[in-house]
Amino acid sequence: MADLHFELVTPERLVRSDDVYMVVVPGSEGEFGVLAGHAPFMSTLRNGDIAIYRTAGAEPERIPVEGGFAEVSDRGLTVLAERAEVPA
């Protein structure tokens, strides 16, 4: 399966732009996972962790986010978060 293009953006900057296997997003109606080829979809976010899986079966990298929304399109997944705490 092709990789998913993922971008995480805050009002201040582009936090992450990468091709990954899967991303699990804390949607306001519950968590949802996105793989390459996912149907178009939009959701608001609740405060929580985005889990980024670089490869199938890998341990996820977690980035805490607050507010915002996520959009899945034919270009991939874009998360526009009010705030994201990137690990140092």
PDB file of N, CA and C in Angstrom:
ATOM      1  N   MET A   1       0.851  -1.186   0.000  1.00  0.00           N
ATOM      2  CA  MET A   1       0.000   0.000   0.000  1.00  0.00           C
ATOM      3  C   MET A   1       0.893   1.244   0.000  1.00  0.00           C
ATOM      4  N   ALA A   2       0.468   2.254  -0.717  1.00  0.00           N
ATOM      5  CA  ALA A   2       1.212   3.510  -0.783  1.00  0.00           C
ATOM      6  C   ALA A   2       1.186   4.218   0.568  1.00  0.00           C
ATOM      7  N   ASP A   3       2.153   5.096   0.764  1.00  0.00           N
ATOM      8  CA  ASP A   3       2.213   5.862   2.003  1.00  0.00           C
ATOM      9  C   ASP A   3       1.166   6.967   2.017  1.00  0.00           C
ATOM     10  N   LEU A   4       0.801   7.377   3.217  1.00  0.00           N
ATOM     11  CA  LEU A   4      -0.128   8.481   3.448  1.00  0.00           C
ATOM     12  C   LEU A   4       0.683   9.747   3.657  1.00  0.00           C
ATOM     13  N   HIS A   5       0.358  10.803   2.929  1.00  0.00           N
ATOM     14  CA  HIS A   5       1.020  12.085   3.166  1.00  0.00           C
ATOM     15  C   HIS A   5       0.302  12.765   4.326  1.00  0.00           C
ATOM     16  N   PHE A   6       1.061  13.118   5.375  1.00  0.00           N
ATOM     17  CA  PHE A   6       0.507  13.700   6.603  1.00  0.00           C
ATOM     18  C   PHE A   6       1.150  15.043   6.879  1.00  0.00           C
ATOM     19  N   GLU A   7       0.312  16.036   7.183  1.00  0.00           N
ATOM     20  CA  GLU A   7       0.805  17.347   7.604  1.00  0.00           C
ATOM     21  C   GLU A   7       0.102  17.770   8.875  1.00  0.00           C
ATOM     22  N   LEU A   8       0.886  18.282   9.830  1.00  0.00           N
ATOM     23  CA  LEU A   8       0.376  18.838  11.073  1.00  0.00           C
ATOM     24  C   LEU A   8       0.785  20.304  11.097  1.00  0.00           C
ATOM     25  N   VAL A   9      -0.204  21.189  11.180  1.00  0.00           N
ATOM     26  CA  VAL A   9       0.033  22.624  11.090  1.00  0.00           C
ATOM     27  C   VAL A   9      -0.620  23.321  12.276  1.00  0.00           C
ATOM     28  N   THR A  10       0.082  24.313  12.837  1.00  0.00           N
ATOM     29  CA  THR A  10      -0.483  25.189  13.866  1.00  0.00           C
ATOM     30  C   THR A  10      -0.492  26.603  13.296  1.00  0.00           C
ATOM     31  N   PRO A  11      -1.141  27.558  13.974  1.00  0.00           N
ATOM     32  CA  PRO A  11      -1.104  28.942  13.477  1.00  0.00           C
ATOM     33  C   PRO A  11       0.318  29.494  13.365  1.00  0.00           C
ATOM     34  N   GLU A  12       1.243  28.961  14.144  1.00  0.00           N
ATOM     35  CA  GLU A  12       2.610  29.467  14.145  1.00  0.00           C
ATOM     36  C   GLU A  12       3.486  28.870  13.047  1.00  0.00           C
ATOM     37  N   ARG A  13       3.262  27.551  12.730  1.00  0.00           N
ATOM     38  CA  ARG A  13       4.204  26.912  11.805  1.00  0.00           C
ATOM     39  C   ARG A  13       3.722  25.545  11.326  1.00  0.00           C
ATOM     40  N   LEU A  14       4.432  25.040  10.332  1.00  0.00           N
ATOM     41  CA  LEU A  14       4.263  23.665   9.890  1.00  0.00           C
ATOM     42  C   LEU A  14       5.060  22.802  10.862  1.00  0.00           C
ATOM     43  N   VAL A  15       4.361  21.955  11.612  1.00  0.00           N
ATOM     44  CA  VAL A  15       5.009  21.132  12.638  1.00  0.00           C
ATOM     45  C   VAL A  15       5.595  19.861  12.027  1.00  0.00           C
ATOM     46  N   ARG A  16       4.855  19.262  11.098  1.00  0.00           N
ATOM     47  CA  ARG A  16       5.282  17.972  10.538  1.00  0.00           C
ATOM     48  C   ARG A  16       4.727  17.827   9.133  1.00  0.00           C
ATOM     49  N   SER A  17       5.535  17.362   8.213  1.00  0.00           N
ATOM     50  CA  SER A  17       5.119  17.013   6.860  1.00  0.00           C
ATOM     51  C   SER A  17       5.909  15.777   6.480  1.00  0.00           C
ATOM     52  N   ASP A  18       5.208  14.642   6.344  1.00  0.00           N
ATOM     53  CA  ASP A  18       5.908  13.378   6.175  1.00  0.00           C
ATOM     54  C   ASP A  18       4.997  12.357   5.511  1.00  0.00           C
ATOM     55  N   ASP A  19       5.587  11.372   4.867  1.00  0.00           N
ATOM     56  CA  ASP A  19       4.842  10.228   4.355  1.00  0.00           C
ATOM     57  C   ASP A  19       4.940   9.124   5.394  1.00  0.00           C
ATOM     58  N   VAL A  20       3.789   8.636   5.846  1.00  0.00           N
ATOM     59  CA  VAL A  20       3.729   7.656   6.926  1.00  0.00           C
ATOM     60  C   VAL A  20       2.781   6.527   6.538  1.00  0.00           C
ATOM     61  N   TYR A  21       2.715   5.498   7.379  1.00  0.00           N
ATOM     62  CA  TYR A  21       1.817   4.371   7.133  1.00  0.00           C
ATOM     63  C   TYR A  21       0.390   4.698   7.557  1.00  0.00           C
ATOM     64  N   MET A  22       0.220   5.197   8.799  1.00  0.00           N
ATOM     65  CA  MET A  22      -1.115   5.461   9.335  1.00  0.00           C
ATOM     66  C   MET A  22      -1.030   6.525  10.420  1.00  0.00           C
ATOM     67  N   VAL A  23      -2.131   7.278  10.579  1.00  0.00           N
ATOM     68  CA  VAL A  23      -2.247   8.270  11.650  1.00  0.00           C
ATOM     69  C   VAL A  23      -3.591   8.060  12.339  1.00  0.00           C
ATOM     70  N   VAL A  24      -3.577   8.060  13.678  1.00  0.00           N
ATOM     71  CA  VAL A  24      -4.810   7.984  14.460  1.00  0.00           C
ATOM     72  C   VAL A  24      -5.026   9.359  15.085  1.00  0.00           C
ATOM     73  N   VAL A  25      -6.200   9.920  14.829  1.00  0.00           N
ATOM     74  CA  VAL A  25      -6.521  11.302  15.198  1.00  0.00           C
ATOM     75  C   VAL A  25      -7.612  11.325  16.275  1.00  0.00           C
ATOM     76  N   PRO A  26      -7.481  12.207  17.295  1.00  0.00           N
ATOM     77  CA  PRO A  26      -8.530  12.328  18.318  1.00  0.00           C
ATOM     78  C   PRO A  26      -9.672  13.220  17.838  1.00  0.00           C
ATOM     79  N   GLY A  27     -10.597  12.655  17.099  1.00  0.00           N
ATOM     80  CA  GLY A  27     -11.748  13.411  16.602  1.00  0.00           C
ATOM     81  C   GLY A  27     -12.738  13.709  17.711  1.00  0.00           C
ATOM     82  N   SER A  28     -13.556  14.715  17.507  1.00  0.00           N
ATOM     83  CA  SER A  28     -14.539  15.093  18.528  1.00  0.00           C
ATOM     84  C   SER A  28     -15.594  14.006  18.742  1.00  0.00           C
ATOM     85  N   GLU A  29     -15.807  13.148  17.742  1.00  0.00           N
ATOM     86  CA  GLU A  29     -16.772  12.051  17.873  1.00  0.00           C
ATOM     87  C   GLU A  29     -16.087  10.725  18.194  1.00  0.00           C
ATOM     88  N   GLY A  30     -14.777  10.775  18.435  1.00  0.00           N
ATOM     89  CA  GLY A  30     -14.011   9.573  18.738  1.00  0.00           C
ATOM     90  C   GLY A  30     -12.769   9.500  17.869  1.00  0.00           C
ATOM     91  N   GLU A  31     -11.840   8.638  18.258  1.00  0.00           N
ATOM     92  CA  GLU A  31     -10.612   8.490  17.490  1.00  0.00           C
ATOM     93  C   GLU A  31     -10.904   7.820  16.157  1.00  0.00           C
ATOM     94  N   PHE A  32     -10.122   8.215  15.130  1.00  0.00           N
ATOM     95  CA  PHE A  32     -10.244   7.558  13.832  1.00  0.00           C
ATOM     96  C   PHE A  32      -8.862   7.406  13.218  1.00  0.00           C
ATOM     97  N   GLY A  33      -8.673   6.304  12.518  1.00  0.00           N
ATOM     98  CA  GLY A  33      -7.409   6.026  11.852  1.00  0.00           C
ATOM     99  C   GLY A  33      -7.511   6.330  10.370  1.00  0.00           C
ATOM    100  N   VAL A  34      -6.414   6.820   9.804  1.00  0.00           N
ATOM    101  CA  VAL A  34      -6.368   7.162   8.386  1.00  0.00           C
ATOM    102  C   VAL A  34      -5.181   6.454   7.743  1.00  0.00           C
ATOM    103  N   LEU A  35      -5.464   5.710   6.686  1.00  0.00           N
ATOM    104  CA  LEU A  35      -4.451   5.061   5.856  1.00  0.00           C
ATOM    105  C   LEU A  35      -4.507   5.700   4.470  1.00  0.00           C
ATOM    106  N   ALA A  36      -3.511   5.440   3.647  1.00  0.00           N
ATOM    107  CA  ALA A  36      -3.539   5.914   2.259  1.00  0.00           C
ATOM    108  C   ALA A  36      -4.812   5.402   1.582  1.00  0.00           C
ATOM    109  N   GLY A  37      -5.432   6.240   0.766  1.00  0.00           N
ATOM    110  CA  GLY A  37      -6.637   5.843   0.045  1.00  0.00           C
ATOM    111  C   GLY A  37      -7.926   6.025   0.823  1.00  0.00           C
ATOM    112  N   HIS A  38      -7.867   6.601   2.021  1.00  0.00           N
ATOM    113  CA  HIS A  38      -9.063   6.821   2.841  1.00  0.00           C
ATOM    114  C   HIS A  38     -10.037   7.737   2.098  1.00  0.00           C
ATOM    115  N   ALA A  39     -11.314   7.527   2.287  1.00  0.00           N
ATOM    116  CA  ALA A  39     -12.341   8.381   1.680  1.00  0.00           C
ATOM    117  C   ALA A  39     -12.234   9.797   2.243  1.00  0.00           C
ATOM    118  N   PRO A  40     -12.600  10.806   1.450  1.00  0.00           N
ATOM    119  CA  PRO A  40     -12.573  12.192   1.943  1.00  0.00           C
ATOM    120  C   PRO A  40     -13.432  12.331   3.200  1.00  0.00           C
ATOM    121  N   PHE A  41     -12.936  13.150   4.142  1.00  0.00           N
ATOM    122  CA  PHE A  41     -13.555  13.194   5.473  1.00  0.00           C
ATOM    123  C   PHE A  41     -13.072  14.447   6.180  1.00  0.00           C
ATOM    124  N   MET A  42     -13.923  15.061   6.985  1.00  0.00           N
ATOM    125  CA  MET A  42     -13.516  16.179   7.838  1.00  0.00           C
ATOM    126  C   MET A  42     -14.049  15.949   9.238  1.00  0.00           C
ATOM    127  N   SER A  43     -13.278  16.400  10.236  1.00  0.00           N
ATOM    128  CA  SER A  43     -13.698  16.262  11.625  1.00  0.00           C
ATOM    129  C   SER A  43     -13.060  17.362  12.453  1.00  0.00           C
ATOM    130  N   THR A  44     -13.787  17.806  13.473  1.00  0.00           N
ATOM    131  CA  THR A  44     -13.164  18.673  14.465  1.00  0.00           C
ATOM    132  C   THR A  44     -12.370  17.781  15.416  1.00  0.00           C
ATOM    133  N   LEU A  45     -11.418  18.397  16.124  1.00  0.00           N
ATOM    134  CA  LEU A  45     -10.568  17.647  17.048  1.00  0.00           C
ATOM    135  C   LEU A  45     -10.942  17.919  18.486  1.00  0.00           C
ATOM    136  N   ARG A  46     -10.714  16.930  19.327  1.00  0.00           N
ATOM    137  CA  ARG A  46     -10.743  17.140  20.765  1.00  0.00           C
ATOM    138  C   ARG A  46      -9.293  17.111  21.232  1.00  0.00           C
ATOM    139  N   ASN A  47      -9.041  17.604  22.416  1.00  0.00           N
ATOM    140  CA  ASN A  47      -7.685  17.558  22.954  1.00  0.00           C
ATOM    141  C   ASN A  47      -7.275  16.104  23.148  1.00  0.00           C
ATOM    142  N   GLY A  48      -6.077  15.780  22.727  1.00  0.00           N
ATOM    143  CA  GLY A  48      -5.581  14.411  22.842  1.00  0.00           C
ATOM    144  C   GLY A  48      -4.305  14.244  22.056  1.00  0.00           C
ATOM    145  N   ASP A  49      -3.910  12.978  21.849  1.00  0.00           N
ATOM    146  CA  ASP A  49      -2.677  12.672  21.133  1.00  0.00           C
ATOM    147  C   ASP A  49      -2.965  12.204  19.717  1.00  0.00           C
ATOM    148  N   ILE A  50      -2.191  12.720  18.772  1.00  0.00           N
ATOM    149  CA  ILE A  50      -2.156  12.155  17.430  1.00  0.00           C
ATOM    150  C   ILE A  50      -1.111  11.054  17.485  1.00  0.00           C
ATOM    151  N   ALA A  51      -1.448   9.869  16.986  1.00  0.00           N
ATOM    152  CA  ALA A  51      -0.505   8.740  16.951  1.00  0.00           C
ATOM    153  C   ALA A  51      -0.074   8.528  15.503  1.00  0.00           C
ATOM    154  N   ILE A  52       1.235   8.643  15.262  1.00  0.00           N
ATOM    155  CA  ILE A  52       1.784   8.539  13.918  1.00  0.00           C
ATOM    156  C   ILE A  52       2.570   7.234  13.810  1.00  0.00           C
ATOM    157  N   TYR A  53       2.135   6.368  12.892  1.00  0.00           N
ATOM    158  CA  TYR A  53       2.791   5.086  12.656  1.00  0.00           C
ATOM    159  C   TYR A  53       3.610   5.203  11.371  1.00  0.00           C
ATOM    160  N   ARG A  54       4.921   5.159  11.500  1.00  0.00           N
ATOM    161  CA  ARG A  54       5.789   5.305  10.321  1.00  0.00           C
ATOM    162  C   ARG A  54       5.698   4.085   9.403  1.00  0.00           C
ATOM    163  N   THR A  55       5.542   2.895   9.984  1.00  0.00           N
ATOM    164  CA  THR A  55       5.403   1.659   9.215  1.00  0.00           C
ATOM    165  C   THR A  55       4.356   0.779   9.896  1.00  0.00           C
ATOM    166  N   ALA A  56       3.874  -0.224   9.177  1.00  0.00           N
ATOM    167  CA  ALA A  56       2.915  -1.169   9.748  1.00  0.00           C
ATOM    168  C   ALA A  56       3.566  -1.891  10.922  1.00  0.00           C
ATOM    169  N   GLY A  57       2.879  -1.954  12.052  1.00  0.00           N
ATOM    170  CA  GLY A  57       3.376  -2.659  13.223  1.00  0.00           C
ATOM    171  C   GLY A  57       4.360  -1.874  14.070  1.00  0.00           C
ATOM    172  N   ALA A  58       4.713  -0.669  13.654  1.00  0.00           N
ATOM    173  CA  ALA A  58       5.662   0.149  14.414  1.00  0.00           C
ATOM    174  C   ALA A  58       4.998   0.742  15.646  1.00  0.00           C
ATOM    175  N   GLU A  59       5.817   1.099  16.624  1.00  0.00           N
ATOM    176  CA  GLU A  59       5.317   1.832  17.785  1.00  0.00           C
ATOM    177  C   GLU A  59       4.995   3.262  17.318  1.00  0.00           C
ATOM    178  N   PRO A  60       3.870   3.825  17.774  1.00  0.00           N
ATOM    179  CA  PRO A  60       3.512   5.160  17.298  1.00  0.00           C
ATOM    180  C   PRO A  60       4.310   6.270  17.978  1.00  0.00           C
ATOM    181  N   GLU A  61       4.533   7.324  17.226  1.00  0.00           N
ATOM    182  CA  GLU A  61       5.031   8.578  17.790  1.00  0.00           C
ATOM    183  C   GLU A  61       3.784   9.367  18.163  1.00  0.00           C
ATOM    184  N   ARG A  62       3.737   9.916  19.372  1.00  0.00           N
ATOM    185  CA  ARG A  62       2.546  10.630  19.835  1.00  0.00           C
ATOM    186  C   ARG A  62       2.844  12.116  19.980  1.00  0.00           C
ATOM    187  N   ILE A  63       1.932  12.931  19.448  1.00  0.00           N
ATOM    188  CA  ILE A  63       2.045  14.382  19.559  1.00  0.00           C
ATOM    189  C   ILE A  63       0.747  14.909  20.158  1.00  0.00           C
ATOM    190  N   PRO A  64       0.802  15.514  21.350  1.00  0.00           N
ATOM    191  CA  PRO A  64      -0.400  16.095  21.949  1.00  0.00           C
ATOM    192  C   PRO A  64      -0.870  17.317  21.146  1.00  0.00           C
ATOM    193  N   VAL A  65      -2.181  17.374  20.901  1.00  0.00           N
ATOM    194  CA  VAL A  65      -2.774  18.517  20.191  1.00  0.00           C
ATOM    195  C   VAL A  65      -3.964  19.049  20.979  1.00  0.00           C
ATOM    196  N   GLU A  66      -4.267  20.309  20.724  1.00  0.00           N
ATOM    197  CA  GLU A  66      -5.440  20.954  21.328  1.00  0.00           C
ATOM    198  C   GLU A  66      -6.239  21.633  20.226  1.00  0.00           C
ATOM    199  N   GLY A  67      -7.527  21.297  20.138  1.00  0.00           N
ATOM    200  CA  GLY A  67      -8.444  21.947  19.224  1.00  0.00           C
ATOM    201  C   GLY A  67      -8.046  21.865  17.766  1.00  0.00           C
ATOM    202  N   GLY A  68      -8.925  22.352  16.898  1.00  0.00           N
ATOM    203  CA  GLY A  68      -8.653  22.399  15.470  1.00  0.00           C
ATOM    204  C   GLY A  68      -9.527  21.431  14.708  1.00  0.00           C
ATOM    205  N   PHE A  69      -9.058  21.071  13.500  1.00  0.00           N
ATOM    206  CA  PHE A  69      -9.800  20.099  12.709  1.00  0.00           C
ATOM    207  C   PHE A  69      -8.859  19.314  11.806  1.00  0.00           C
ATOM    208  N   ALA A  70      -9.376  18.219  11.256  1.00  0.00           N
ATOM    209  CA  ALA A  70      -8.612  17.342  10.371  1.00  0.00           C
ATOM    210  C   ALA A  70      -9.372  17.196   9.066  1.00  0.00           C
ATOM    211  N   GLU A  71      -8.619  17.144   7.976  1.00  0.00           N
ATOM    212  CA  GLU A  71      -9.213  16.935   6.654  1.00  0.00           C
ATOM    213  C   GLU A  71      -8.460  15.826   5.940  1.00  0.00           C
ATOM    214  N   VAL A  72      -9.220  14.823   5.477  1.00  0.00           N
ATOM    215  CA  VAL A  72      -8.664  13.772   4.642  1.00  0.00           C
ATOM    216  C   VAL A  72      -9.123  14.061   3.219  1.00  0.00           C
ATOM    217  N   SER A  73      -8.170  14.123   2.305  1.00  0.00           N
ATOM    218  CA  SER A  73      -8.490  14.363   0.900  1.00  0.00           C
ATOM    219  C   SER A  73      -7.650  13.425   0.047  1.00  0.00           C
ATOM    220  N   ASP A  74      -7.758  13.562  -1.264  1.00  0.00           N
ATOM    221  CA  ASP A  74      -6.949  12.714  -2.138  1.00  0.00           C
ATOM    222  C   ASP A  74      -5.458  13.034  -2.015  1.00  0.00           C
ATOM    223  N   ARG A  75      -5.113  14.164  -1.415  1.00  0.00           N
ATOM    224  CA  ARG A  75      -3.714  14.544  -1.186  1.00  0.00           C
ATOM    225  C   ARG A  75      -3.165  13.964   0.116  1.00  0.00           C
ATOM    226  N   GLY A  76      -4.024  13.454   1.004  1.00  0.00           N
ATOM    227  CA  GLY A  76      -3.574  12.898   2.279  1.00  0.00           C
ATOM    228  C   GLY A  76      -4.352  13.464   3.444  1.00  0.00           C
ATOM    229  N   LEU A  77      -3.712  13.511   4.605  1.00  0.00           N
ATOM    230  CA  LEU A  77      -4.325  13.986   5.845  1.00  0.00           C
ATOM    231  C   LEU A  77      -3.652  15.277   6.285  1.00  0.00           C
ATOM    232  N   THR A  78      -4.460  16.305   6.499  1.00  0.00           N
ATOM    233  CA  THR A  78      -3.963  17.564   7.038  1.00  0.00           C
ATOM    234  C   THR A  78      -4.670  17.817   8.359  1.00  0.00           C
ATOM    235  N   VAL A  79      -3.895  18.033   9.415  1.00  0.00           N
ATOM    236  CA  VAL A  79      -4.445  18.382  10.720  1.00  0.00           C
ATOM    237  C   VAL A  79      -4.055  19.827  11.009  1.00  0.00           C
ATOM    238  N   LEU A  80      -5.051  20.673  11.207  1.00  0.00           N
ATOM    239  CA  LEU A  80      -4.843  22.071  11.581  1.00  0.00           C
ATOM    240  C   LEU A  80      -5.210  22.182  13.050  1.00  0.00           C
ATOM    241  N   ALA A  81      -4.193  22.220  13.896  1.00  0.00           N
ATOM    242  CA  ALA A  81      -4.402  22.228  15.339  1.00  0.00           C
ATOM    243  C   ALA A  81      -4.176  23.621  15.902  1.00  0.00           C
ATOM    244  N   GLU A  82      -4.968  23.987  16.897  1.00  0.00           N
ATOM    245  CA  GLU A  82      -4.755  25.260  17.575  1.00  0.00           C
ATOM    246  C   GLU A  82      -3.400  25.261  18.269  1.00  0.00           C
ATOM    247  N   ARG A  83      -3.002  24.074  18.748  1.00  0.00           N
ATOM    248  CA  ARG A  83      -1.727  23.948  19.454  1.00  0.00           C
ATOM    249  C   ARG A  83      -1.240  22.513  19.354  1.00  0.00           C
ATOM    250  N   ALA A  84       0.063  22.330  19.191  1.00  0.00           N
ATOM    251  CA  ALA A  84       0.681  20.999  19.151  1.00  0.00           C
ATOM    252  C   ALA A  84       1.980  21.056  19.935  1.00  0.00           C
ATOM    253  N   GLU A  85       2.170  20.073  20.808  1.00  0.00           N
ATOM    254  CA  GLU A  85       3.380  20.031  21.634  1.00  0.00           C
ATOM    255  C   GLU A  85       4.329  18.977  21.059  1.00  0.00           C
ATOM    256  N   VAL A  86       5.311  19.467  20.349  1.00  0.00           N
ATOM    257  CA  VAL A  86       6.268  18.570  19.695  1.00  0.00           C
ATOM    258  C   VAL A  86       7.337  18.152  20.694  1.00  0.00           C
ATOM    259  N   PRO A  87       7.589  16.853  20.828  1.00  0.00           N
ATOM    260  CA  PRO A  87       8.626  16.398  21.750  1.00  0.00           C
ATOM    261  C   PRO A  87       9.984  16.977  21.355  1.00  0.00           C
ATOM    262  N   ALA A  88      10.785  17.318  22.355  1.00  0.00           N
ATOM    263  CA  ALA A  88      12.114  17.897  22.075  1.00  0.00           C
ATOM    264  C   ALA A  88      13.117  16.869  21.667  1.00  0.00           C
TER     265      ALA A  88
END
